[in-house]
Protein backbone atom coordinates (compact mmCIF):
# COMPACT_ATOMS: atom_id res chain seq x y z
CA MET A 1 137.08 126.29 84.69
CA SER A 2 137.92 124.14 87.86
CA GLY A 3 140.78 122.10 88.76
CA ASP A 4 139.30 118.66 87.70
CA ASP A 5 138.59 119.85 84.21
CA GLY A 6 142.65 120.38 83.57
CA ALA A 7 143.14 116.72 82.78
CA ALA A 8 140.46 116.22 80.71
CA ALA A 9 141.33 119.07 78.60
CA THR A 10 144.84 118.00 77.94
CA GLY A 11 144.05 114.38 76.67
CA ARG A 12 145.63 112.71 79.68
CA PRO A 13 143.89 110.47 82.23
CA ALA A 14 143.27 111.83 85.75
CA ASP A 15 146.01 110.38 88.56
CA PRO A 16 144.32 107.09 90.03
CA GLY A 17 146.23 108.30 93.13
CA PRO A 18 148.67 105.65 94.94
CA GLU A 19 148.22 101.94 94.20
CA PRO A 20 147.00 99.70 97.04
CA ALA A 21 149.97 97.83 98.82
CA ALA A 22 148.69 94.13 97.88
CA VAL A 23 149.03 95.04 94.19
CA ALA A 24 152.47 96.59 94.52
CA ALA A 25 153.49 93.75 96.82
CA ARG A 26 152.13 91.07 93.87
CA ARG A 27 153.76 92.93 91.18
CA ASN A 28 157.52 93.09 93.38
CA HIS A 29 157.17 89.74 94.59
CA VAL A 30 160.51 87.49 93.63
CA PRO A 31 159.82 84.08 94.41
CA PRO A 32 162.63 82.48 96.14
CA THR A 33 164.77 79.87 94.10
CA ARG A 34 164.95 76.11 95.71
CA GLY A 35 168.80 76.50 96.31
CA TYR A 36 168.27 79.38 98.42
CA VAL A 37 165.63 78.17 100.33
CA ALA A 38 167.52 74.77 100.70
CA GLY A 39 170.18 76.88 102.05
CA VAL A 40 168.40 78.71 104.68
CA VAL A 41 166.70 75.59 105.86
CA GLY A 42 170.03 73.45 106.23
CA ALA A 43 171.37 76.67 108.24
CA ALA A 44 168.40 76.68 110.25
CA ALA A 45 168.63 73.22 111.05
CA VAL A 46 172.40 73.61 112.03
CA ILE A 47 171.37 76.25 114.72
CA VAL A 48 168.85 73.89 115.63
CA LEU A 49 171.22 70.87 116.34
CA ALA A 50 174.01 73.24 118.06
CA VAL A 51 171.63 74.62 120.48
CA THR A 52 169.92 71.05 121.21
CA LEU A 53 172.86 68.73 121.01
CA PRO A 54 175.24 70.61 123.79
CA VAL A 55 172.01 70.17 125.94
CA ILE A 56 171.30 66.76 125.19
CA GLY A 57 175.02 65.73 125.76
CA LEU A 58 175.46 67.36 129.22
CA LEU A 59 172.05 66.04 130.14
CA LEU A 60 172.97 62.70 129.27
CA ALA A 61 176.62 63.21 131.30
CA ALA A 62 174.96 64.23 134.02
CA GLY A 63 172.75 61.50 133.95
CA ARG A 64 175.37 58.96 133.92
CA THR A 65 177.78 60.50 136.49
CA SER A 66 175.03 60.61 138.99
CA ALA A 67 173.13 57.28 138.32
CA ALA A 68 175.81 54.60 136.86
CA GLY A 69 178.92 56.22 137.58
CA ALA A 70 181.36 57.97 135.82
CA GLY A 71 183.36 55.91 132.93
CA ASP A 72 180.62 53.04 133.15
CA GLY A 73 181.34 52.26 129.28
CA ASP A 74 177.76 52.66 127.79
CA GLY A 75 178.92 53.38 124.43
CA LEU A 76 178.14 57.26 124.20
CA PRO A 77 180.64 59.18 122.00
CA VAL A 78 182.81 61.44 123.78
CA VAL A 79 181.57 64.60 121.95
CA LEU A 80 178.44 63.98 123.74
CA SER A 81 179.29 62.62 127.22
CA GLY A 82 181.64 65.23 127.87
CA GLY A 83 179.68 68.26 126.53
CA ALA A 84 182.72 69.40 123.96
CA LEU A 85 180.23 70.20 121.61
CA ALA A 86 179.05 73.32 123.71
CA TYR A 87 182.66 75.05 122.84
CA LEU A 88 181.46 74.89 119.23
CA SER A 89 178.28 75.73 119.13
CA PRO A 90 178.72 79.09 119.33
CA LEU A 91 180.97 79.30 115.97
CA LEU A 92 178.27 76.95 114.25
CA ILE A 93 175.49 78.97 115.10
CA GLY A 94 177.58 81.98 114.22
CA LEU A 95 178.74 80.31 110.77
CA ALA A 96 175.12 79.73 110.10
CA VAL A 97 173.54 83.02 110.53
CA GLY A 98 176.65 84.81 108.31
CA TRP A 99 175.52 82.02 105.84
CA ILE A 100 171.75 83.06 105.74
CA VAL A 101 172.72 86.68 105.68
CA MET A 102 175.04 86.08 103.00
CA THR A 103 172.87 84.43 100.64
CA SER A 104 170.13 86.77 101.38
CA LEU A 105 171.79 89.63 100.28
CA ARG A 106 172.97 87.96 97.03
CA ARG A 107 169.17 86.93 96.32
CA GLU A 108 167.74 89.11 93.20
CA THR A 109 165.35 91.67 94.11
CA ALA A 110 162.54 93.04 92.12
CA VAL A 111 164.60 95.59 90.44
CA ASN A 112 167.09 92.64 89.88
CA HIS A 113 169.84 94.29 91.89
CA PRO A 114 171.53 91.59 94.21
CA MET A 115 174.35 92.84 96.24
CA PRO A 116 177.97 92.06 95.09
CA ARG A 117 179.40 88.97 96.12
CA GLY A 118 182.34 90.94 98.16
CA ARG A 119 180.52 93.02 99.79
CA ALA A 120 177.52 90.34 100.78
CA LEU A 121 180.55 88.13 102.32
CA GLY A 122 181.51 91.12 104.40
CA TYR A 123 177.92 91.54 106.01
CA GLY A 124 177.71 87.45 106.45
CA ALA A 125 181.38 87.71 108.32
CA GLY A 126 180.28 90.29 110.34
CA TRP A 127 177.43 89.06 111.40
CA ALA A 128 179.06 85.88 111.94
CA ILE A 129 181.53 87.40 114.06
CA ILE A 130 178.66 89.13 116.15
CA THR A 131 176.41 86.21 116.73
CA THR A 132 179.41 84.05 117.33
CA GLY A 133 180.46 86.34 120.33
CA ALA A 134 177.10 87.06 121.31
CA VAL A 135 175.97 83.28 121.74
CA ALA A 136 179.54 82.62 123.17
CA ALA A 137 179.48 85.79 125.90
CA PRO A 138 177.27 84.28 128.59
CA SER A 139 179.28 81.06 128.50
CA THR A 140 182.65 82.84 128.69
CA TYR A 141 181.68 85.10 131.27
CA ALA A 142 180.62 82.06 133.60
CA VAL A 143 183.65 80.56 133.29
CA PHE A 144 185.53 83.65 133.94
CA ALA A 145 183.31 85.01 136.44
CA THR A 146 184.65 83.07 139.23
CA PRO A 147 187.33 84.30 141.15
CA ALA A 148 189.05 81.40 141.18
CA ALA A 149 189.08 80.79 137.30
CA SER A 150 189.83 84.48 137.06
CA ALA A 151 193.21 84.01 139.09
CA GLY A 152 193.73 81.08 137.67
CA PHE A 153 193.40 82.51 133.96
CA MET A 154 195.77 85.61 135.26
CA LEU A 155 198.38 83.33 136.83
CA LEU A 156 198.70 81.51 133.25
CA LEU A 157 198.87 84.62 131.31
CA ALA A 158 201.50 85.88 133.78
CA ARG A 159 203.46 83.13 133.14
CA MET A 160 203.34 83.03 129.45
CA LEU A 161 204.37 86.48 129.33
CA PHE A 162 206.65 86.87 132.08
CA ALA A 163 208.34 83.34 132.44
CA PRO A 164 211.67 83.02 130.70
CA ASP A 165 211.73 80.68 127.50
CA ALA A 166 212.72 77.28 127.93
CA ARG A 167 214.89 77.46 124.95
CA GLU A 168 216.90 80.49 126.27
CA PRO A 169 219.71 79.48 128.74
CA ALA A 170 219.00 80.82 132.31
CA SER A 171 222.46 82.03 132.87
CA PRO A 172 223.51 85.30 130.90
CA ARG A 173 225.31 84.97 127.61
CA ARG A 174 229.22 84.23 127.89
CA PRO A 175 231.52 86.28 126.05
CA SER A 176 232.92 84.76 122.85
CA ALA A 177 236.60 83.93 122.97
CA THR A 178 236.88 85.83 119.78
CA ALA A 179 235.37 89.36 121.23
CA SER A 180 238.40 90.23 123.17
């Protein structure tokens, strides 16, 4: 008897081998829900706006100050004219990435085992913090890379840490009358 005759002799069909990847992908496919798609598209839109609005605001502010002069009252909001949104941009990007990570982990899988809510929230918060730091790092480095800015920051920090509090009297405590 040869090795192939054993399957026929026992009545079991011969092993067909591994199934093709396309068949396994179709069998395990879980279609995304409308809420998930809307949330991810909304978070992606927040990321795009958080990247483009500060750039547009800074370009508009630079164009106004060089061509028309500063403070000519052309009606632009203060957020766009001063580039203040550039400071909020890393936070918005980090929150959007954290939301995408959290909702992706909470999705049901082919074997119906979504990640628990607390764990998914922890991973989302972690990625939000990491992304916020990674996006904010270049601008923070640019601010503190100059010697004048670093010296100014160190002087401000030293003043906050070592200067006497304004609420405390400058002279030492006088002994009270009852202590004698």
